[in-house]
Amino acid sequence: MQKGNVMNGSDCESIFAALSNYLDGELPEADCNQLERHIQDCAPCVEFVNSLRKSVRLGKQYRPHEPAPALSPGVKRSLEAAYKAMLARQQEPPPEKP
């Protein structure tokens, strides 16, 4: 879901895609209201939101004592390929619903 788009309240995938922007306060008010209404009635989304909030909180609390080791070239290539594939999927139009 992108900023300004109207959400389909029953589309959990759109909710999941919008959650980071929602938690960061970057969604338009209308989208926030629709997301909140959907989450009230959707147990999987409630669970996902709670998990994401916990992850964000723990991430902010994390203080590494030493730098992480460098990634191997193979791991870097794998991550880059996954990132490029994710970007390509985001550029694809959503599938039409019957």
C-alpha atoms as a PDB file:
ATOM      1  CA  MET A   1       0.000   0.000   0.000  1.00  0.00           C
ATOM      2  CA  GLN A   2       1.310   3.435  -0.827  1.00  0.00           C
ATOM      3  CA  LYS A   3       0.607   6.739   0.843  1.00  0.00           C
ATOM      4  CA  GLY A   4      -2.740   8.166  -0.129  1.00  0.00           C
ATOM      5  CA  ASN A   5      -4.219   4.950  -1.494  1.00  0.00           C
ATOM      6  CA  VAL A   6      -7.520   3.777  -0.076  1.00  0.00           C
ATOM      7  CA  MET A   7      -7.118   0.449   1.682  1.00  0.00           C
ATOM      8  CA  ASN A   8      -9.306  -2.554   1.239  1.00  0.00           C
ATOM      9  CA  GLY A   9     -10.122  -3.330   4.886  1.00  0.00           C
ATOM     10  CA  SER A  10     -10.180  -7.077   4.308  1.00  0.00           C
ATOM     11  CA  ASP A  11      -6.791  -7.225   2.644  1.00  0.00           C
ATOM     12  CA  CYS A  12      -4.314  -8.370   5.304  1.00  0.00           C
ATOM     13  CA  GLU A  13      -1.420  -8.170   2.851  1.00  0.00           C
ATOM     14  CA  SER A  14      -2.087  -4.448   2.361  1.00  0.00           C
ATOM     15  CA  ILE A  15      -2.245  -4.056   6.128  1.00  0.00           C
ATOM     16  CA  PHE A  16       1.070  -5.869   6.581  1.00  0.00           C
ATOM     17  CA  ALA A  17       2.697  -3.743   3.871  1.00  0.00           C
ATOM     18  CA  ALA A  18       1.472  -0.512   5.498  1.00  0.00           C
ATOM     19  CA  LEU A  19       2.376  -1.294   9.102  1.00  0.00           C
ATOM     20  CA  SER A  20       5.877   0.194   9.139  1.00  0.00           C
ATOM     21  CA  ASN A  21       4.581   3.478   7.758  1.00  0.00           C
ATOM     22  CA  TYR A  22       1.687   3.317  10.229  1.00  0.00           C
ATOM     23  CA  LEU A  23       3.963   2.771  13.233  1.00  0.00           C
ATOM     24  CA  ASP A  24       6.268   5.559  11.998  1.00  0.00           C
ATOM     25  CA  GLY A  25       3.292   7.947  11.722  1.00  0.00           C
ATOM     26  CA  GLU A  26       3.733   8.314   7.951  1.00  0.00           C
ATOM     27  CA  LEU A  27       0.264   7.241   6.724  1.00  0.00           C
ATOM     28  CA  PRO A  28      -2.517   9.682   5.881  1.00  0.00           C
ATOM     29  CA  GLU A  29      -5.200   9.856   8.573  1.00  0.00           C
ATOM     30  CA  ALA A  30      -7.823   8.101   6.410  1.00  0.00           C
ATOM     31  CA  ASP A  31      -5.499   5.138   5.844  1.00  0.00           C
ATOM     32  CA  CYS A  32      -4.675   5.013   9.571  1.00  0.00           C
ATOM     33  CA  ASN A  33      -8.376   4.913  10.421  1.00  0.00           C
ATOM     34  CA  GLN A  34      -9.060   2.091   7.939  1.00  0.00           C
ATOM     35  CA  LEU A  35      -6.025   0.139   9.151  1.00  0.00           C
ATOM     36  CA  GLU A  36      -7.101   0.512  12.781  1.00  0.00           C
ATOM     37  CA  ARG A  37     -10.668  -0.609  12.002  1.00  0.00           C
ATOM     38  CA  HIS A  38      -9.361  -3.699  10.197  1.00  0.00           C
ATOM     39  CA  ILE A  39      -6.938  -4.569  12.984  1.00  0.00           C
ATOM     40  CA  GLN A  40      -9.701  -4.442  15.614  1.00  0.00           C
ATOM     41  CA  ASP A  41     -11.477  -7.363  13.946  1.00  0.00           C
ATOM     42  CA  CYS A  42      -8.553  -9.412  12.606  1.00  0.00           C
ATOM     43  CA  ALA A  43      -6.671 -11.667  15.029  1.00  0.00           C
ATOM     44  CA  PRO A  44      -3.773 -12.424  12.615  1.00  0.00           C
ATOM     45  CA  CYS A  45      -3.238  -8.692  12.051  1.00  0.00           C
ATOM     46  CA  VAL A  46      -3.365  -7.966  15.798  1.00  0.00           C
ATOM     47  CA  GLU A  47      -0.718 -10.641  16.335  1.00  0.00           C
ATOM     48  CA  PHE A  48       1.422  -9.246  13.510  1.00  0.00           C
ATOM     49  CA  VAL A  49       1.125  -5.643  14.792  1.00  0.00           C
ATOM     50  CA  ASN A  50       2.095  -6.699  18.311  1.00  0.00           C
ATOM     51  CA  SER A  51       5.054  -8.659  16.947  1.00  0.00           C
ATOM     52  CA  LEU A  52       6.199  -5.723  14.815  1.00  0.00           C
ATOM     53  CA  ARG A  53       5.880  -3.287  17.736  1.00  0.00           C
ATOM     54  CA  LYS A  54       7.938  -5.624  19.916  1.00  0.00           C
ATOM     55  CA  SER A  55      10.574  -5.972  17.184  1.00  0.00           C
ATOM     56  CA  VAL A  56      10.837  -2.194  16.810  1.00  0.00           C
ATOM     57  CA  ARG A  57      11.097  -1.724  20.577  1.00  0.00           C
ATOM     58  CA  LEU A  58      13.781  -4.401  20.922  1.00  0.00           C
ATOM     59  CA  GLY A  59      15.650  -3.033  17.919  1.00  0.00           C
ATOM     60  CA  LYS A  60      15.779   0.417  19.508  1.00  0.00           C
ATOM     61  CA  GLN A  61      17.067  -1.085  22.757  1.00  0.00           C
ATOM     62  CA  TYR A  62      19.813  -3.144  21.121  1.00  0.00           C
ATOM     63  CA  ARG A  63      23.304  -1.846  21.745  1.00  0.00           C
ATOM     64  CA  PRO A  64      25.990  -4.031  20.155  1.00  0.00           C
ATOM     65  CA  HIS A  65      29.231  -4.358  22.087  1.00  0.00           C
ATOM     66  CA  GLU A  66      31.315  -5.067  19.033  1.00  0.00           C
ATOM     67  CA  PRO A  67      30.784  -4.607  15.309  1.00  0.00           C
ATOM     68  CA  ALA A  68      29.098  -7.422  13.452  1.00  0.00           C
ATOM     69  CA  PRO A  69      31.437  -9.558  11.343  1.00  0.00           C
ATOM     70  CA  ALA A  70      31.626  -8.786   7.639  1.00  0.00           C
ATOM     71  CA  LEU A  71      29.288 -10.728   5.373  1.00  0.00           C
ATOM     72  CA  SER A  72      30.806 -13.247   3.038  1.00  0.00           C
ATOM     73  CA  PRO A  73      30.588 -12.436  -0.683  1.00  0.00           C
ATOM     74  CA  GLY A  74      28.059 -15.260  -1.164  1.00  0.00           C
ATOM     75  CA  VAL A  75      25.777 -13.934   1.565  1.00  0.00           C
ATOM     76  CA  LYS A  76      26.055 -10.403   0.145  1.00  0.00           C
ATOM     77  CA  ARG A  77      25.068 -11.658  -3.329  1.00  0.00           C
ATOM     78  CA  SER A  78      22.137 -13.584  -1.877  1.00  0.00           C
ATOM     79  CA  LEU A  79      20.887 -10.548   0.064  1.00  0.00           C
ATOM     80  CA  GLU A  80      21.277  -8.268  -2.954  1.00  0.00           C
ATOM     81  CA  ALA A  81      19.339 -10.722  -5.136  1.00  0.00           C
ATOM     82  CA  ALA A  82      16.538 -10.967  -2.559  1.00  0.00           C
ATOM     83  CA  TYR A  83      16.409  -7.172  -2.258  1.00  0.00           C
ATOM     84  CA  LYS A  84      16.251  -6.704  -6.039  1.00  0.00           C
ATOM     85  CA  ALA A  85      13.496  -9.344  -6.291  1.00  0.00           C
ATOM     86  CA  MET A  86      11.513  -7.555  -3.557  1.00  0.00           C
ATOM     87  CA  LEU A  87      11.858  -4.231  -5.382  1.00  0.00           C
ATOM     88  CA  ALA A  88      10.726  -5.848  -8.639  1.00  0.00           C
ATOM     89  CA  ARG A  89       7.641  -7.315  -6.906  1.00  0.00           C
ATOM     90  CA  GLN A  90       6.765  -3.883  -5.516  1.00  0.00           C
ATOM     91  CA  GLN A  91       6.790  -2.476  -9.049  1.00  0.00           C
ATOM     92  CA  GLU A  92       4.326  -5.110 -10.308  1.00  0.00           C
ATOM     93  CA  PRO A  93       0.664  -4.125 -10.378  1.00  0.00           C
ATOM     94  CA  PRO A  94      -1.453  -5.959  -7.795  1.00  0.00           C
ATOM     95  CA  PRO A  95      -3.317  -9.002  -9.101  1.00  0.00           C
ATOM     96  CA  GLU A  96      -6.897  -8.340 -10.143  1.00  0.00           C
ATOM     97  CA  LYS A  97      -9.511  -9.695  -7.781  1.00  0.00           C
ATOM     98  CA  PRO A  98     -12.341 -11.742  -9.238  1.00  0.00           C
END
